[in-house]
C-alpha atoms as a PDB file:
ATOM      1  CA  UNK A   1       0.512  -0.052   0.373  1.00  0.00           C
ATOM      2  CA  UNK A   2       1.250   3.039  -0.697  1.00  0.00           C
ATOM      3  CA  UNK A   3       1.666   5.515   2.207  1.00  0.00           C
ATOM      4  CA  UNK A   4      -1.561   7.150   3.357  1.00  0.00           C
ATOM      5  CA  UNK A   5      -1.859   9.786   6.158  1.00  0.00           C
ATOM      6  CA  UNK A   6      -4.085   8.050   8.816  1.00  0.00           C
ATOM      7  CA  UNK A   7      -6.328  10.076  10.410  1.00  0.00           C
ATOM      8  CA  UNK A   8      -6.779   7.595  13.899  1.00  0.00           C
ATOM      9  CA  UNK A   9     -10.644   8.535  15.346  1.00  0.00           C
ATOM     10  CA  UNK A  10     -11.115   7.564  19.501  1.00  0.00           C
ATOM     11  CA  UNK A  11     -14.513   6.468  19.831  1.00  0.00           C
ATOM     12  CA  UNK A  12     -15.183   5.349  23.162  1.00  0.00           C
ATOM     13  CA  UNK A  13     -19.117   4.157  22.709  1.00  0.00           C
ATOM     14  CA  UNK A  14     -20.160   1.721  25.069  1.00  0.00           C
ATOM     15  CA  UNK A  15     -24.040   2.825  25.119  1.00  0.00           C
ATOM     16  CA  UNK A  16     -24.400   0.600  22.226  1.00  0.00           C
ATOM     17  CA  UNK A  17     -23.300  -2.963  23.710  1.00  0.00           C
ATOM     18  CA  UNK A  18     -25.041  -4.719  25.585  1.00  0.00           C
ATOM     19  CA  UNK A  19     -21.840  -5.756  27.723  1.00  0.00           C
ATOM     20  CA  UNK A  20     -19.078  -2.512  29.661  1.00  0.00           C
ATOM     21  CA  UNK A  21     -16.123  -2.436  28.537  1.00  0.00           C
ATOM     22  CA  UNK A  22     -15.836  -1.160  25.023  1.00  0.00           C
ATOM     23  CA  UNK A  23     -15.358   2.174  26.153  1.00  0.00           C
ATOM     24  CA  UNK A  24     -11.961   1.035  26.700  1.00  0.00           C
ATOM     25  CA  UNK A  25     -11.183  -0.391  23.236  1.00  0.00           C
ATOM     26  CA  UNK A  26      -9.678   2.543  21.661  1.00  0.00           C
ATOM     27  CA  UNK A  27      -6.868   2.623  24.391  1.00  0.00           C
ATOM     28  CA  UNK A  28      -6.215  -0.774  24.232  1.00  0.00           C
ATOM     29  CA  UNK A  29      -5.920  -0.484  20.697  1.00  0.00           C
ATOM     30  CA  UNK A  30      -3.085   2.035  20.747  1.00  0.00           C
ATOM     31  CA  UNK A  31      -1.397   0.279  24.199  1.00  0.00           C
ATOM     32  CA  UNK A  32      -1.240  -2.625  21.814  1.00  0.00           C
ATOM     33  CA  UNK A  33       0.738  -0.801  19.053  1.00  0.00           C
ATOM     34  CA  UNK A  34      -1.293   0.402  16.212  1.00  0.00           C
ATOM     35  CA  UNK A  35       0.139   3.872  16.075  1.00  0.00           C
ATOM     36  CA  UNK A  36       3.863   2.516  15.995  1.00  0.00           C
ATOM     37  CA  UNK A  37       3.031  -0.230  14.004  1.00  0.00           C
ATOM     38  CA  UNK A  38       1.457   1.713  10.946  1.00  0.00           C
ATOM     39  CA  UNK A  39       4.250   4.497  11.469  1.00  0.00           C
ATOM     40  CA  UNK A  40       6.603   1.422  10.470  1.00  0.00           C
ATOM     41  CA  UNK A  41       4.961   0.949   7.566  1.00  0.00           C
ATOM     42  CA  UNK A  42       5.880   4.162   6.490  1.00  0.00           C
ATOM     43  CA  UNK A  43       2.285   5.813   7.263  1.00  0.00           C
ATOM     44  CA  UNK A  44       1.502   9.524   8.860  1.00  0.00           C
ATOM     45  CA  UNK A  45      -0.268   9.854  11.550  1.00  0.00           C
ATOM     46  CA  UNK A  46      -2.842  11.695  13.173  1.00  0.00           C
ATOM     47  CA  UNK A  47      -4.038  11.296  16.066  1.00  0.00           C
ATOM     48  CA  UNK A  48      -5.890  14.080  18.432  1.00  0.00           C
ATOM     49  CA  UNK A  49      -7.140  11.571  21.310  1.00  0.00           C
ATOM     50  CA  UNK A  50     -10.837  10.243  21.448  1.00  0.00           C
ATOM     51  CA  UNK A  51     -13.990  12.143  21.028  1.00  0.00           C
ATOM     52  CA  UNK A  52     -16.338  12.834  23.807  1.00  0.00           C
ATOM     53  CA  UNK A  53     -20.260  13.614  23.554  1.00  0.00           C
ATOM     54  CA  UNK A  54     -21.886  15.695  26.122  1.00  0.00           C
ATOM     55  CA  UNK A  55     -25.068  15.102  28.305  1.00  0.00           C
ATOM     56  CA  UNK A  56     -28.082  14.422  26.363  1.00  0.00           C
ATOM     57  CA  UNK A  57     -31.431  14.875  26.877  1.00  0.00           C
ATOM     58  CA  UNK A  58     -33.057  11.693  26.914  1.00  0.00           C
ATOM     59  CA  UNK A  59     -35.228  10.263  23.371  1.00  0.00           C
ATOM     60  CA  UNK A  60     -38.553   9.077  23.755  1.00  0.00           C
ATOM     61  CA  UNK A  61     -39.374   6.429  21.673  1.00  0.00           C
ATOM     62  CA  UNK A  62     -42.434   3.541  21.510  1.00  0.00           C
ATOM     63  CA  UNK A  63     -40.046   0.548  21.660  1.00  0.00           C
ATOM     64  CA  UNK A  64     -39.120   1.096  25.615  1.00  0.00           C
ATOM     65  CA  UNK A  65     -36.216  -1.942  25.246  1.00  0.00           C
ATOM     66  CA  UNK A  66     -34.206   0.858  23.560  1.00  0.00           C
ATOM     67  CA  UNK A  67     -31.003   1.643  25.394  1.00  0.00           C
ATOM     68  CA  UNK A  68     -29.130   4.870  25.435  1.00  0.00           C
ATOM     69  CA  UNK A  69     -30.790   6.245  22.483  1.00  0.00           C
ATOM     70  CA  UNK A  70     -30.378  10.219  22.968  1.00  0.00           C
ATOM     71  CA  UNK A  71     -26.538   9.175  22.981  1.00  0.00           C
ATOM     72  CA  UNK A  72     -25.891   7.292  19.941  1.00  0.00           C
ATOM     73  CA  UNK A  73     -27.855   9.924  18.104  1.00  0.00           C
ATOM     74  CA  UNK A  74     -25.085  12.468  19.511  1.00  0.00           C
ATOM     75  CA  UNK A  75     -22.161  10.082  18.877  1.00  0.00           C
ATOM     76  CA  UNK A  76     -23.506   9.362  14.937  1.00  0.00           C
ATOM     77  CA  UNK A  77     -23.949  13.225  13.934  1.00  0.00           C
ATOM     78  CA  UNK A  78     -19.971  13.163  15.705  1.00  0.00           C
ATOM     79  CA  UNK A  79     -18.585  10.445  13.587  1.00  0.00           C
ATOM     80  CA  UNK A  80     -20.043  11.618  10.812  1.00  0.00           C
ATOM     81  CA  UNK A  81     -18.185  14.669  10.718  1.00  0.00           C
ATOM     82  CA  UNK A  82     -14.953  13.821  11.790  1.00  0.00           C
ATOM     83  CA  UNK A  83     -15.388  10.805   8.869  1.00  0.00           C
ATOM     84  CA  UNK A  84     -16.194  13.079   6.109  1.00  0.00           C
ATOM     85  CA  UNK A  85     -13.534  16.064   7.071  1.00  0.00           C
ATOM     86  CA  UNK A  86     -10.943  13.037   6.966  1.00  0.00           C
ATOM     87  CA  UNK A  87     -11.809  12.462   3.494  1.00  0.00           C
ATOM     88  CA  UNK A  88     -11.938  15.601   2.137  1.00  0.00           C
ATOM     89  CA  UNK A  89      -8.780  16.233   3.082  1.00  0.00           C
ATOM     90  CA  UNK A  90      -7.554  12.691   1.159  1.00  0.00           C
ATOM     91  CA  UNK A  91      -6.958  11.203   4.766  1.00  0.00           C
ATOM     92  CA  UNK A  92      -7.196   7.679   5.610  1.00  0.00           C
ATOM     93  CA  UNK A  93      -9.479   7.642   8.485  1.00  0.00           C
ATOM     94  CA  UNK A  94      -9.060   4.983  11.190  1.00  0.00           C
ATOM     95  CA  UNK A  95     -12.161   4.851  13.830  1.00  0.00           C
ATOM     96  CA  UNK A  96     -11.474   3.064  16.721  1.00  0.00           C
ATOM     97  CA  UNK A  97     -14.556   1.568  18.682  1.00  0.00           C
ATOM     98  CA  UNK A  98     -16.044   1.450  20.724  1.00  0.00           C
ATOM     99  CA  UNK A  99     -19.006  -1.192  19.976  1.00  0.00           C
ATOM    100  CA  UNK A 100     -20.425  -1.136  16.477  1.00  0.00           C
ATOM    101  CA  UNK A 101     -22.986   1.194  16.752  1.00  0.00           C
ATOM    102  CA  UNK A 102     -20.676   3.226  15.474  1.00  0.00           C
ATOM    103  CA  UNK A 103     -20.937   2.219  11.959  1.00  0.00           C
ATOM    104  CA  UNK A 104     -23.872   4.441  11.898  1.00  0.00           C
ATOM    105  CA  UNK A 105     -21.909   7.599  11.715  1.00  0.00           C
ATOM    106  CA  UNK A 106     -18.608   6.433  10.280  1.00  0.00           C
ATOM    107  CA  UNK A 107     -20.305   5.198   7.740  1.00  0.00           C
ATOM    108  CA  UNK A 108     -22.717   8.129   6.892  1.00  0.00           C
ATOM    109  CA  UNK A 109     -19.873  10.593   6.891  1.00  0.00           C
ATOM    110  CA  UNK A 110     -17.619   7.938   4.122  1.00  0.00           C
ATOM    111  CA  UNK A 111     -21.037   7.547   2.347  1.00  0.00           C
ATOM    112  CA  UNK A 112     -21.244  11.997   1.510  1.00  0.00           C
ATOM    113  CA  UNK A 113     -17.588  12.339   1.170  1.00  0.00           C
ATOM    114  CA  UNK A 114     -17.454   9.464  -1.554  1.00  0.00           C
ATOM    115  CA  UNK A 115     -20.862  11.013  -3.309  1.00  0.00           C
ATOM    116  CA  UNK A 116     -19.297  14.022  -3.616  1.00  0.00           C
ATOM    117  CA  UNK A 117     -16.000  12.969  -5.446  1.00  0.00           C
ATOM    118  CA  UNK A 118     -18.225  11.193  -7.837  1.00  0.00           C
ATOM    119  CA  UNK A 119     -17.127   7.888  -6.341  1.00  0.00           C
ATOM    120  CA  UNK A 120     -19.342   4.926  -5.899  1.00  0.00           C
ATOM    121  CA  UNK A 121     -18.914   3.450  -2.118  1.00  0.00           C
ATOM    122  CA  UNK A 122     -19.116   0.480  -0.966  1.00  0.00           C
ATOM    123  CA  UNK A 123     -18.931  -1.624   2.825  1.00  0.00           C
ATOM    124  CA  UNK A 124     -17.087  -4.691   3.468  1.00  0.00           C
ATOM    125  CA  UNK A 125     -18.862  -5.870   6.761  1.00  0.00           C
ATOM    126  CA  UNK A 126     -16.792  -7.944   8.733  1.00  0.00           C
ATOM    127  CA  UNK A 127     -19.350  -9.297  11.375  1.00  0.00           C
ATOM    128  CA  UNK A 128     -20.748 -12.485  13.402  1.00  0.00           C
ATOM    129  CA  UNK A 129     -24.060  -9.928  12.941  1.00  0.00           C
ATOM    130  CA  UNK A 130     -26.107  -8.455  10.442  1.00  0.00           C
ATOM    131  CA  UNK A 131     -26.792  -5.533  12.571  1.00  0.00           C
ATOM    132  CA  UNK A 132     -29.868  -4.751  10.823  1.00  0.00           C
ATOM    133  CA  UNK A 133     -32.341  -3.749  13.195  1.00  0.00           C
ATOM    134  CA  UNK A 134     -34.496  -0.443  12.995  1.00  0.00           C
ATOM    135  CA  UNK A 135     -35.239   0.884  15.823  1.00  0.00           C
ATOM    136  CA  UNK A 136     -38.927  -1.114  16.215  1.00  0.00           C
ATOM    137  CA  UNK A 137     -37.567  -4.081  15.824  1.00  0.00           C
ATOM    138  CA  UNK A 138     -34.857  -5.258  17.911  1.00  0.00           C
ATOM    139  CA  UNK A 139     -35.666  -7.236  21.316  1.00  0.00           C
ATOM    140  CA  UNK A 140     -32.644  -6.150  23.070  1.00  0.00           C
ATOM    141  CA  UNK A 141     -32.749  -2.393  22.499  1.00  0.00           C
ATOM    142  CA  UNK A 142     -28.861  -2.296  21.914  1.00  0.00           C
ATOM    143  CA  UNK A 143     -28.363  -0.264  19.386  1.00  0.00           C
ATOM    144  CA  UNK A 144     -25.274  -1.602  17.777  1.00  0.00           C
ATOM    145  CA  UNK A 145     -27.766  -3.974  16.114  1.00  0.00           C
ATOM    146  CA  UNK A 146     -28.955  -1.256  13.623  1.00  0.00           C
ATOM    147  CA  UNK A 147     -25.904   1.320  11.929  1.00  0.00           C
ATOM    148  CA  UNK A 148     -26.192  -0.879   8.346  1.00  0.00           C
ATOM    149  CA  UNK A 149     -30.130  -1.075   8.632  1.00  0.00           C
ATOM    150  CA  UNK A 150     -29.794   2.812   9.161  1.00  0.00           C
ATOM    151  CA  UNK A 151     -26.873   4.079   6.949  1.00  0.00           C
ATOM    152  CA  UNK A 152     -28.703   1.946   3.509  1.00  0.00           C
ATOM    153  CA  UNK A 153     -31.432   3.710   4.605  1.00  0.00           C
ATOM    154  CA  UNK A 154     -34.021   1.785   6.324  1.00  0.00           C
ATOM    155  CA  UNK A 155     -37.266   2.725   7.554  1.00  0.00           C
ATOM    156  CA  UNK A 156     -38.186   3.873  11.518  1.00  0.00           C
ATOM    157  CA  UNK A 157     -35.225   5.973  11.752  1.00  0.00           C
ATOM    158  CA  UNK A 158     -36.923   9.234  10.701  1.00  0.00           C
ATOM    159  CA  UNK A 159     -37.280  11.894  13.053  1.00  0.00           C
ATOM    160  CA  UNK A 160     -34.943  10.459  15.818  1.00  0.00           C
ATOM    161  CA  UNK A 161     -31.869  10.382  14.299  1.00  0.00           C
ATOM    162  CA  UNK A 162     -30.825  12.477  11.336  1.00  0.00           C
ATOM    163  CA  UNK A 163     -31.086  11.604   8.048  1.00  0.00           C
ATOM    164  CA  UNK A 164     -27.715  10.014   6.918  1.00  0.00           C
ATOM    165  CA  UNK A 165     -25.179  12.432   4.959  1.00  0.00           C
ATOM    166  CA  UNK A 166     -25.688  10.012   2.299  1.00  0.00           C
ATOM    167  CA  UNK A 167     -27.250   6.443   1.697  1.00  0.00           C
ATOM    168  CA  UNK A 168     -24.837   3.259   1.240  1.00  0.00           C
ATOM    169  CA  UNK A 169     -26.980   1.002  -1.577  1.00  0.00           C
ATOM    170  CA  UNK A 170     -28.115  -2.185   0.241  1.00  0.00           C
ATOM    171  CA  UNK A 171     -26.386  -3.851  -3.340  1.00  0.00           C
ATOM    172  CA  UNK A 172     -23.067  -2.310  -2.257  1.00  0.00           C
ATOM    173  CA  UNK A 173     -22.699  -3.743   1.141  1.00  0.00           C
ATOM    174  CA  UNK A 174     -20.945  -7.244   1.463  1.00  0.00           C
ATOM    175  CA  UNK A 175     -21.730  -9.418   4.665  1.00  0.00           C
ATOM    176  CA  UNK A 176     -18.449 -11.908   5.683  1.00  0.00           C
ATOM    177  CA  UNK A 177     -18.324 -14.002   8.521  1.00  0.00           C
ATOM    178  CA  UNK A 178     -22.422 -14.037   9.635  1.00  0.00           C
ATOM    179  CA  UNK A 179     -23.518 -16.924  11.693  1.00  0.00           C
ATOM    180  CA  UNK A 180     -26.100 -15.413  14.307  1.00  0.00           C
ATOM    181  CA  UNK A 181     -29.208 -13.663  12.874  1.00  0.00           C
ATOM    182  CA  UNK A 182     -32.511 -12.545  14.659  1.00  0.00           C
ATOM    183  CA  UNK A 183     -35.787 -13.465  12.445  1.00  0.00           C
ATOM    184  CA  UNK A 184     -36.211  -9.516  11.628  1.00  0.00           C
ATOM    185  CA  UNK A 185     -32.919  -9.197  10.032  1.00  0.00           C
ATOM    186  CA  UNK A 186     -33.113 -12.771   8.199  1.00  0.00           C
ATOM    187  CA  UNK A 187     -36.430 -11.635   6.611  1.00  0.00           C
ATOM    188  CA  UNK A 188     -35.187  -7.421   6.244  1.00  0.00           C
ATOM    189  CA  UNK A 189     -32.332  -9.269   4.161  1.00  0.00           C
ATOM    190  CA  UNK A 190     -34.202 -11.577   2.489  1.00  0.00           C
ATOM    191  CA  UNK A 191     -36.208  -8.845   0.623  1.00  0.00           C
ATOM    192  CA  UNK A 192     -32.529  -6.501   0.448  1.00  0.00           C
ATOM    193  CA  UNK A 193     -29.661  -6.920  -2.194  1.00  0.00           C
ATOM    194  CA  UNK A 194     -26.977  -7.029   0.424  1.00  0.00           C
ATOM    195  CA  UNK A 195     -25.006  -9.716  -0.002  1.00  0.00           C
ATOM    196  CA  UNK A 196     -24.477 -12.128   2.987  1.00  0.00           C
ATOM    197  CA  UNK A 197     -21.337 -14.964   3.167  1.00  0.00           C
ATOM    198  CA  UNK A 198     -22.008 -16.741   6.284  1.00  0.00           C
ATOM    199  CA  UNK A 199     -19.765 -19.061   8.112  1.00  0.00           C
ATOM    200  CA  UNK A 200     -21.348 -22.114   6.461  1.00  0.00           C
ATOM    201  CA  UNK A 201     -20.898 -20.609   2.761  1.00  0.00           C
ATOM    202  CA  UNK A 202     -17.245 -19.874   3.618  1.00  0.00           C
ATOM    203  CA  UNK A 203     -16.924 -23.225   4.808  1.00  0.00           C
ATOM    204  CA  UNK A 204     -18.105 -24.491   1.503  1.00  0.00           C
ATOM    205  CA  UNK A 205     -16.458 -22.393  -0.507  1.00  0.00           C
ATOM    206  CA  UNK A 206     -13.486 -20.564   1.106  1.00  0.00           C
ATOM    207  CA  UNK A 207     -13.539 -16.828   1.887  1.00  0.00           C
ATOM    208  CA  UNK A 208     -11.111 -15.794  -1.129  1.00  0.00           C
ATOM    209  CA  UNK A 209     -13.205 -16.447  -3.794  1.00  0.00           C
ATOM    210  CA  UNK A 210     -16.611 -14.716  -1.731  1.00  0.00           C
ATOM    211  CA  UNK A 211     -14.089 -11.791  -1.839  1.00  0.00           C
ATOM    212  CA  UNK A 212     -12.184 -11.626  -4.802  1.00  0.00           C
ATOM    213  CA  UNK A 213     -15.462 -11.319  -6.833  1.00  0.00           C
ATOM    214  CA  UNK A 214     -16.355  -8.457  -4.073  1.00  0.00           C
ATOM    215  CA  UNK A 215     -13.306  -6.741  -5.207  1.00  0.00           C
ATOM    216  CA  UNK A 216     -13.997  -7.082  -8.719  1.00  0.00           C
ATOM    217  CA  UNK A 217     -17.464  -5.265  -8.157  1.00  0.00           C
ATOM    218  CA  UNK A 218     -15.776  -2.760  -6.549  1.00  0.00           C
ATOM    219  CA  UNK A 219     -12.882  -2.269  -8.717  1.00  0.00           C
ATOM    220  CA  UNK A 220     -14.960  -2.354 -11.872  1.00  0.00           C
ATOM    221  CA  UNK A 221     -17.521   0.449 -10.594  1.00  0.00           C
ATOM    222  CA  UNK A 222     -14.017   2.785 -10.366  1.00  0.00           C
ATOM    223  CA  UNK A 223     -15.693   2.635  -6.546  1.00  0.00           C
ATOM    224  CA  UNK A 224     -13.959   3.320  -2.735  1.00  0.00           C
ATOM    225  CA  UNK A 225     -13.736   0.632   0.052  1.00  0.00           C
ATOM    226  CA  UNK A 226     -14.847   1.029   4.202  1.00  0.00           C
ATOM    227  CA  UNK A 227     -14.195  -2.064   6.379  1.00  0.00           C
ATOM    228  CA  UNK A 228     -15.758  -2.441   8.752  1.00  0.00           C
ATOM    229  CA  UNK A 229     -14.031  -5.354  11.388  1.00  0.00           C
ATOM    230  CA  UNK A 230     -15.991  -6.486  14.818  1.00  0.00           C
ATOM    231  CA  UNK A 231     -13.989  -8.772  16.671  1.00  0.00           C
ATOM    232  CA  UNK A 232     -16.751 -11.171  16.913  1.00  0.00           C
ATOM    233  CA  UNK A 233     -16.204 -11.828  13.250  1.00  0.00           C
ATOM    234  CA  UNK A 234     -12.824 -13.666  14.331  1.00  0.00           C
ATOM    235  CA  UNK A 235     -13.183 -16.766  16.173  1.00  0.00           C
ATOM    236  CA  UNK A 236     -13.240 -16.552  20.082  1.00  0.00           C
ATOM    237  CA  UNK A 237     -10.717 -18.722  20.124  1.00  0.00           C
ATOM    238  CA  UNK A 238      -8.175 -16.431  19.118  1.00  0.00           C
ATOM    239  CA  UNK A 239      -9.817 -12.919  19.716  1.00  0.00           C
ATOM    240  CA  UNK A 240     -12.002 -13.217  23.355  1.00  0.00           C
ATOM    241  CA  UNK A 241     -12.586  -9.669  23.913  1.00  0.00           C
ATOM    242  CA  UNK A 242     -15.397  -9.274  23.025  1.00  0.00           C
ATOM    243  CA  UNK A 243     -19.238  -8.875  24.522  1.00  0.00           C
ATOM    244  CA  UNK A 244     -20.747 -11.084  22.175  1.00  0.00           C
ATOM    245  CA  UNK A 245     -18.523 -14.689  21.198  1.00  0.00           C
ATOM    246  CA  UNK A 246     -19.886 -16.334  18.838  1.00  0.00           C
ATOM    247  CA  UNK A 247     -18.295 -19.700  18.411  1.00  0.00           C
ATOM    248  CA  UNK A 248     -17.553 -20.763  14.788  1.00  0.00           C
ATOM    249  CA  UNK A 249     -15.821 -17.550  13.485  1.00  0.00           C
ATOM    250  CA  UNK A 250     -12.990 -16.511  10.745  1.00  0.00           C
ATOM    251  CA  UNK A 251      -9.699 -18.287  12.077  1.00  0.00           C
ATOM    252  CA  UNK A 252      -6.189 -16.261  11.813  1.00  0.00           C
ATOM    253  CA  UNK A 253      -4.803 -16.894   8.354  1.00  0.00           C
ATOM    254  CA  UNK A 254      -8.422 -16.397   7.680  1.00  0.00           C
ATOM    255  CA  UNK A 255      -9.001 -13.397   9.105  1.00  0.00           C
ATOM    256  CA  UNK A 256      -5.031 -11.963   7.750  1.00  0.00           C
ATOM    257  CA  UNK A 257      -6.103 -13.506   4.246  1.00  0.00           C
ATOM    258  CA  UNK A 258      -8.871 -11.311   3.611  1.00  0.00           C
ATOM    259  CA  UNK A 259      -6.535  -8.179   5.088  1.00  0.00           C
ATOM    260  CA  UNK A 260      -3.868  -9.160   2.503  1.00  0.00           C
ATOM    261  CA  UNK A 261      -6.499  -9.408  -0.380  1.00  0.00           C
ATOM    262  CA  UNK A 262      -7.785  -5.744   0.718  1.00  0.00           C
ATOM    263  CA  UNK A 263      -4.228  -4.410   0.835  1.00  0.00           C
ATOM    264  CA  UNK A 264      -3.463  -6.181  -2.386  1.00  0.00           C
ATOM    265  CA  UNK A 265      -6.587  -4.045  -4.058  1.00  0.00           C
ATOM    266  CA  UNK A 266      -5.724  -0.708  -3.217  1.00  0.00           C
ATOM    267  CA  UNK A 267      -9.465  -0.299  -3.349  1.00  0.00           C
ATOM    268  CA  UNK A 268      -9.903   0.495   0.567  1.00  0.00           C
ATOM    269  CA  UNK A 269      -9.977   3.924   1.962  1.00  0.00           C
ATOM    270  CA  UNK A 270     -11.179   3.838   5.727  1.00  0.00           C
ATOM    271  CA  UNK A 271     -11.448   1.680   8.732  1.00  0.00           C
ATOM    272  CA  UNK A 272     -13.483   0.666  11.497  1.00  0.00           C
ATOM    273  CA  UNK A 273     -12.052  -1.543  14.469  1.00  0.00           C
ATOM    274  CA  UNK A 274     -15.055  -2.392  16.873  1.00  0.00           C
ATOM    275  CA  UNK A 275     -16.258  -4.216  19.743  1.00  0.00           C
ATOM    276  CA  UNK A 276     -13.251  -4.663  21.715  1.00  0.00           C
ATOM    277  CA  UNK A 277     -13.551  -5.019  25.435  1.00  0.00           C
ATOM    278  CA  UNK A 278     -10.336  -5.251  27.368  1.00  0.00           C
ATOM    279  CA  UNK A 279     -12.072  -6.288  30.525  1.00  0.00           C
ATOM    280  CA  UNK A 280     -12.731  -9.858  28.658  1.00  0.00           C
ATOM    281  CA  UNK A 281      -9.358 -10.165  26.670  1.00  0.00           C
ATOM    282  CA  UNK A 282      -6.394 -11.845  28.231  1.00  0.00           C
ATOM    283  CA  UNK A 283      -3.698 -10.100  28.635  1.00  0.00           C
ATOM    284  CA  UNK A 284      -3.942  -8.005  25.557  1.00  0.00           C
ATOM    285  CA  UNK A 285      -4.284 -11.027  22.633  1.00  0.00           C
ATOM    286  CA  UNK A 286      -7.318  -9.311  21.012  1.00  0.00           C
ATOM    287  CA  UNK A 287      -6.030  -5.826  20.840  1.00  0.00           C
ATOM    288  CA  UNK A 288      -2.848  -7.399  19.294  1.00  0.00           C
ATOM    289  CA  UNK A 289      -3.869  -9.346  17.398  1.00  0.00           C
ATOM    290  CA  UNK A 290      -6.383  -6.179  15.914  1.00  0.00           C
ATOM    291  CA  UNK A 291      -3.096  -4.275  15.412  1.00  0.00           C
ATOM    292  CA  UNK A 292      -1.997  -7.389  13.017  1.00  0.00           C
ATOM    293  CA  UNK A 293      -4.736  -7.426  10.913  1.00  0.00           C
ATOM    294  CA  UNK A 294      -4.962  -3.604  10.996  1.00  0.00           C
ATOM    295  CA  UNK A 295      -0.869  -3.962   9.617  1.00  0.00           C
ATOM    296  CA  UNK A 296      -2.022  -6.578   7.499  1.00  0.00           C
ATOM    297  CA  UNK A 297      -4.386  -4.262   5.747  1.00  0.00           C
ATOM    298  CA  UNK A 298      -2.115  -1.416   5.510  1.00  0.00           C
ATOM    299  CA  UNK A 299       0.918  -2.988   3.928  1.00  0.00           C
ATOM    300  CA  UNK A 300       2.406  -5.271   5.898  1.00  0.00           C
ATOM    301  CA  UNK A 301       3.721  -8.968   4.696  1.00  0.00           C
ATOM    302  CA  UNK A 302       3.823 -12.114   6.343  1.00  0.00           C
ATOM    303  CA  UNK A 303       7.750 -12.638   5.324  1.00  0.00           C
ATOM    304  CA  UNK A 304       8.094  -9.093   7.108  1.00  0.00           C
ATOM    305  CA  UNK A 305       6.077 -10.361  10.259  1.00  0.00           C
ATOM    306  CA  UNK A 306       8.969 -10.775  13.466  1.00  0.00           C
ATOM    307  CA  UNK A 307       8.093 -14.452  14.734  1.00  0.00           C
ATOM    308  CA  UNK A 308       6.737 -13.681  18.717  1.00  0.00           C
ATOM    309  CA  UNK A 309       4.887 -15.955  21.229  1.00  0.00           C
ATOM    310  CA  UNK A 310       1.009 -15.952  21.291  1.00  0.00           C
END
């Protein structure tokens, strides 16, 4: 990958998740060496510390299960502006969560920047969950389960959320690693053009072929690609530091292969790293793996990696 100016955006959001701890995620990823690793690969770094929101007034909604709706609305506004600004400056935003609710804002801002540049915008969603609920369909009320529905224009978010700065076409979203889907999400997915490669499909067909096909579409459209990586995309055996462990996730080599292929494509212009919960991690094991995966995306080859014990 050619050297980038990486804008690190710390988003210590934990109000969208069911377990506390994600608030420590951005600091843990930086402690694991993200900035030093990117510097070593030749990239420039801009990082002004973690973002914060102020106090919020409660928002009332008919779905009494919803938790922290006002906080997510504020984070969505803030992160949308941050990622939009970074892309307007031709920077490579790396948004560090925090839980996956941050993608409502990060993706919305990136989509607007791409639209203004006349670039088709695509999203690779690496996650055990599709996060395709709206505000009415979620039964848990945990708002890390709604961002994809929001940024693809599903109904049910108005007037509570601001309209997305630019919508992402559902057909431009590719999900990989999916293995935990609620009934309401399954129905919505079946009626959408979102491409879903669940773990059964990956077990049967491998991970390289579906990813290569998606990257070919992005390239043919002369598009730009955002990658949103949730820790639970990975098997909990290699990444225990997450509050939503789902067995049967991507292996160490599958995850690195995805990142290496993305690097080779030259199509990626932004990244989310989300759902790291250091409180549940084992001596920084998951944080270190996230840094290594980011390094693979940003240009480090297998032959460049120094062997160390895990």
